[in-house]
Amino acid sequence: MPRVVVDVMPKPEILDPQGKAVLGALPRLGFTGVSDVRQGKRFELEVEGEVTDDVLAEVSRVAETLLSNPVIENFTVRVEESVEVRA
């Protein structure tokens, strides 16, 4: 089944305390070179049939209505290509 991914992130002007907490922990754990962290959410929706413009529009409505808070968050919708991994 095709998979549509919705990534939800806080708008740039919104404070992100979880991202700041991760940013503060990185040097204590020995990681350097990271100047900022923003934490968001990822939703994977498996859809029936072909992913058309109408399907993407419907997923956008789902994202705007249920998966995000449009006042403080932005979201993107994309089709995830399946990648076969062989061990």
N, C-alpha and C. Protein backbone atom coordinates (compact mmCIF):
# COMPACT_ATOMS: atom_id res chain seq x y z
N MET A 1 0.84 -1.19 0.00
CA MET A 1 0.00 0.00 0.00
C MET A 1 0.88 1.24 0.00
N PRO A 2 0.47 2.26 -0.71
CA PRO A 2 1.23 3.52 -0.70
C PRO A 2 1.18 4.17 0.68
N ARG A 3 2.24 4.87 1.01
CA ARG A 3 2.33 5.55 2.30
C ARG A 3 2.48 7.04 2.07
N VAL A 4 1.64 7.80 2.76
CA VAL A 4 1.73 9.26 2.74
C VAL A 4 2.21 9.70 4.12
N VAL A 5 3.22 10.56 4.15
CA VAL A 5 3.81 11.00 5.40
C VAL A 5 3.43 12.46 5.64
N VAL A 6 2.99 12.74 6.87
CA VAL A 6 2.71 14.10 7.30
C VAL A 6 3.71 14.45 8.39
N ASP A 7 4.53 15.46 8.14
CA ASP A 7 5.47 15.97 9.13
C ASP A 7 4.89 17.25 9.71
N VAL A 8 4.81 17.32 11.04
CA VAL A 8 4.26 18.48 11.73
C VAL A 8 5.37 19.10 12.58
N MET A 9 5.58 20.39 12.40
CA MET A 9 6.63 21.10 13.15
C MET A 9 6.05 22.38 13.74
N PRO A 10 6.59 22.81 14.90
CA PRO A 10 6.17 24.09 15.44
C PRO A 10 6.57 25.20 14.46
N LYS A 11 5.73 26.22 14.36
CA LYS A 11 6.08 27.37 13.53
C LYS A 11 7.36 28.00 14.08
N PRO A 12 8.15 28.63 13.21
CA PRO A 12 9.45 29.18 13.66
C PRO A 12 9.33 30.16 14.84
N GLU A 13 8.25 30.90 14.90
CA GLU A 13 8.12 31.90 15.96
C GLU A 13 7.62 31.31 17.29
N ILE A 14 7.29 30.03 17.31
CA ILE A 14 6.80 29.36 18.52
C ILE A 14 7.98 28.75 19.27
N LEU A 15 8.04 28.98 20.57
CA LEU A 15 9.08 28.38 21.39
C LEU A 15 8.95 26.86 21.37
N ASP A 16 10.07 26.16 21.39
CA ASP A 16 10.10 24.71 21.35
C ASP A 16 10.92 24.20 22.54
N PRO A 17 10.31 24.09 23.72
CA PRO A 17 11.07 23.68 24.90
C PRO A 17 11.66 22.28 24.79
N GLN A 18 10.99 21.37 24.10
CA GLN A 18 11.54 20.02 23.95
C GLN A 18 12.79 20.05 23.07
N GLY A 19 12.74 20.83 22.01
CA GLY A 19 13.92 20.97 21.16
C GLY A 19 15.08 21.59 21.92
N LYS A 20 14.78 22.61 22.74
CA LYS A 20 15.84 23.26 23.54
C LYS A 20 16.43 22.29 24.55
N ALA A 21 15.60 21.42 25.13
CA ALA A 21 16.10 20.43 26.09
C ALA A 21 17.05 19.45 25.39
N VAL A 22 16.70 19.02 24.21
CA VAL A 22 17.59 18.12 23.45
C VAL A 22 18.88 18.84 23.11
N LEU A 23 18.77 20.10 22.67
CA LEU A 23 19.95 20.89 22.32
C LEU A 23 20.90 21.01 23.52
N GLY A 24 20.32 21.24 24.69
CA GLY A 24 21.14 21.36 25.89
C GLY A 24 21.79 20.05 26.31
N ALA A 25 21.15 18.93 26.01
CA ALA A 25 21.69 17.62 26.40
C ALA A 25 22.81 17.15 25.48
N LEU A 26 22.80 17.59 24.23
CA LEU A 26 23.79 17.08 23.26
C LEU A 26 25.23 17.28 23.71
N PRO A 27 25.65 18.49 24.14
CA PRO A 27 27.05 18.65 24.56
C PRO A 27 27.40 17.81 25.80
N ARG A 28 26.44 17.65 26.69
CA ARG A 28 26.68 16.83 27.88
C ARG A 28 26.91 15.37 27.51
N LEU A 29 26.39 14.96 26.36
CA LEU A 29 26.55 13.58 25.90
C LEU A 29 27.72 13.44 24.92
N GLY A 30 28.44 14.54 24.72
CA GLY A 30 29.62 14.48 23.87
C GLY A 30 29.39 14.80 22.41
N PHE A 31 28.19 15.27 22.04
CA PHE A 31 27.90 15.63 20.66
C PHE A 31 28.13 17.12 20.45
N THR A 32 28.83 17.48 19.40
CA THR A 32 29.12 18.88 19.12
C THR A 32 28.70 19.22 17.70
N GLY A 33 28.65 20.52 17.43
CA GLY A 33 28.37 20.97 16.08
C GLY A 33 26.90 21.17 15.75
N VAL A 34 26.00 20.94 16.69
CA VAL A 34 24.58 21.16 16.45
C VAL A 34 24.21 22.52 17.02
N SER A 35 23.65 23.40 16.18
CA SER A 35 23.35 24.75 16.64
C SER A 35 21.89 24.96 17.02
N ASP A 36 20.98 24.07 16.60
CA ASP A 36 19.58 24.22 16.98
C ASP A 36 18.87 22.89 16.79
N VAL A 37 17.82 22.67 17.56
CA VAL A 37 16.99 21.47 17.46
C VAL A 37 15.54 21.91 17.55
N ARG A 38 14.72 21.41 16.64
CA ARG A 38 13.27 21.61 16.70
C ARG A 38 12.65 20.21 16.71
N GLN A 39 11.73 19.98 17.60
CA GLN A 39 11.09 18.67 17.69
C GLN A 39 9.70 18.75 17.11
N GLY A 40 9.34 17.75 16.32
CA GLY A 40 8.02 17.70 15.70
C GLY A 40 7.42 16.31 15.79
N LYS A 41 6.45 16.09 14.91
CA LYS A 41 5.75 14.81 14.87
C LYS A 41 5.73 14.30 13.44
N ARG A 42 5.74 12.99 13.28
CA ARG A 42 5.64 12.36 11.96
C ARG A 42 4.48 11.38 12.00
N PHE A 43 3.60 11.47 11.02
CA PHE A 43 2.48 10.55 10.88
C PHE A 43 2.62 9.82 9.56
N GLU A 44 2.43 8.52 9.56
CA GLU A 44 2.46 7.71 8.35
C GLU A 44 1.07 7.17 8.10
N LEU A 45 0.50 7.51 6.97
CA LEU A 45 -0.83 7.05 6.60
C LEU A 45 -0.73 6.13 5.40
N GLU A 46 -1.16 4.90 5.55
CA GLU A 46 -1.21 3.99 4.41
C GLU A 46 -2.57 4.18 3.76
N VAL A 47 -2.56 4.41 2.45
CA VAL A 47 -3.80 4.69 1.73
C VAL A 47 -4.08 3.59 0.73
N GLU A 48 -5.35 3.42 0.44
CA GLU A 48 -5.77 2.40 -0.53
C GLU A 48 -5.69 2.98 -1.93
N GLY A 49 -5.22 2.19 -2.84
CA GLY A 49 -5.19 2.61 -4.23
C GLY A 49 -4.04 3.55 -4.53
N GLU A 50 -4.15 4.22 -5.65
CA GLU A 50 -3.12 5.14 -6.13
C GLU A 50 -3.18 6.46 -5.37
N VAL A 51 -2.03 7.07 -5.15
CA VAL A 51 -1.96 8.37 -4.50
C VAL A 51 -2.14 9.44 -5.58
N THR A 52 -3.31 10.03 -5.60
CA THR A 52 -3.64 11.07 -6.58
C THR A 52 -3.62 12.43 -5.90
N ASP A 53 -3.81 13.47 -6.68
CA ASP A 53 -3.91 14.82 -6.11
C ASP A 53 -5.08 14.91 -5.15
N ASP A 54 -6.19 14.22 -5.45
CA ASP A 54 -7.35 14.23 -4.55
C ASP A 54 -7.02 13.55 -3.22
N VAL A 55 -6.27 12.46 -3.27
CA VAL A 55 -5.86 11.77 -2.04
C VAL A 55 -4.96 12.67 -1.21
N LEU A 56 -4.01 13.34 -1.84
CA LEU A 56 -3.12 14.25 -1.12
C LEU A 56 -3.89 15.42 -0.52
N ALA A 57 -4.89 15.92 -1.25
CA ALA A 57 -5.72 17.01 -0.72
C ALA A 57 -6.50 16.54 0.51
N GLU A 58 -7.00 15.31 0.46
CA GLU A 58 -7.73 14.75 1.61
C GLU A 58 -6.80 14.58 2.81
N VAL A 59 -5.60 14.10 2.58
CA VAL A 59 -4.62 13.95 3.67
C VAL A 59 -4.28 15.33 4.24
N SER A 60 -4.18 16.34 3.40
CA SER A 60 -3.93 17.70 3.89
C SER A 60 -5.06 18.18 4.79
N ARG A 61 -6.28 17.85 4.41
CA ARG A 61 -7.42 18.23 5.27
C ARG A 61 -7.37 17.49 6.61
N VAL A 62 -6.97 16.21 6.57
CA VAL A 62 -6.80 15.44 7.81
C VAL A 62 -5.72 16.10 8.68
N ALA A 63 -4.61 16.46 8.05
CA ALA A 63 -3.51 17.08 8.80
C ALA A 63 -3.93 18.39 9.43
N GLU A 64 -4.64 19.19 8.68
CA GLU A 64 -5.06 20.50 9.19
C GLU A 64 -6.13 20.37 10.27
N THR A 65 -6.99 19.36 10.16
CA THR A 65 -8.11 19.19 11.10
C THR A 65 -7.74 18.43 12.35
N LEU A 66 -6.92 17.37 12.19
CA LEU A 66 -6.69 16.45 13.31
C LEU A 66 -5.24 16.33 13.74
N LEU A 67 -4.32 16.31 12.80
CA LEU A 67 -2.94 15.98 13.13
C LEU A 67 -2.11 17.17 13.58
N SER A 68 -2.55 18.38 13.28
CA SER A 68 -1.78 19.56 13.66
C SER A 68 -2.69 20.61 14.26
N ASN A 69 -2.05 21.57 14.91
CA ASN A 69 -2.74 22.76 15.39
C ASN A 69 -2.26 23.91 14.50
N PRO A 70 -3.05 24.30 13.49
CA PRO A 70 -2.59 25.29 12.52
C PRO A 70 -2.21 26.65 13.13
N VAL A 71 -2.62 26.91 14.33
CA VAL A 71 -2.27 28.18 14.98
C VAL A 71 -0.78 28.20 15.33
N ILE A 72 -0.25 27.06 15.75
CA ILE A 72 1.14 27.04 16.21
C ILE A 72 2.04 26.07 15.44
N GLU A 73 1.46 25.31 14.50
CA GLU A 73 2.25 24.31 13.78
C GLU A 73 2.07 24.42 12.27
N ASN A 74 3.11 24.07 11.54
CA ASN A 74 3.06 23.89 10.10
C ASN A 74 3.15 22.41 9.80
N PHE A 75 2.66 22.00 8.64
CA PHE A 75 2.79 20.61 8.26
C PHE A 75 3.12 20.50 6.78
N THR A 76 3.75 19.38 6.43
CA THR A 76 4.01 19.04 5.03
C THR A 76 3.46 17.65 4.78
N VAL A 77 3.02 17.43 3.56
CA VAL A 77 2.49 16.13 3.15
C VAL A 77 3.33 15.66 1.97
N ARG A 78 3.77 14.40 2.04
CA ARG A 78 4.57 13.85 0.94
C ARG A 78 4.33 12.36 0.83
N VAL A 79 4.58 11.85 -0.35
CA VAL A 79 4.47 10.42 -0.59
C VAL A 79 5.84 9.82 -0.31
N GLU A 80 5.85 8.77 0.48
CA GLU A 80 7.10 8.09 0.79
C GLU A 80 7.27 6.93 -0.18
N GLU A 81 8.36 6.98 -0.88
CA GLU A 81 8.67 5.89 -1.81
C GLU A 81 9.10 4.67 -1.01
N SER A 82 8.63 3.53 -1.40
CA SER A 82 9.04 2.32 -0.69
C SER A 82 10.43 1.91 -1.15
N VAL A 83 11.23 1.56 -0.20
CA VAL A 83 12.59 1.12 -0.47
C VAL A 83 12.75 -0.29 0.07
N GLU A 84 13.13 -1.18 -0.79
CA GLU A 84 13.31 -2.57 -0.36
C GLU A 84 14.73 -2.74 0.16
N VAL A 85 14.84 -3.27 1.37
CA VAL A 85 16.13 -3.50 1.99
C VAL A 85 16.33 -5.00 2.11
N ARG A 86 17.45 -5.45 1.60
CA ARG A 86 17.75 -6.89 1.68
C ARG A 86 18.91 -7.10 2.66
N ALA A 87 18.73 -8.08 3.52
CA ALA A 87 19.78 -8.38 4.51
C ALA A 87 20.75 -9.39 3.99
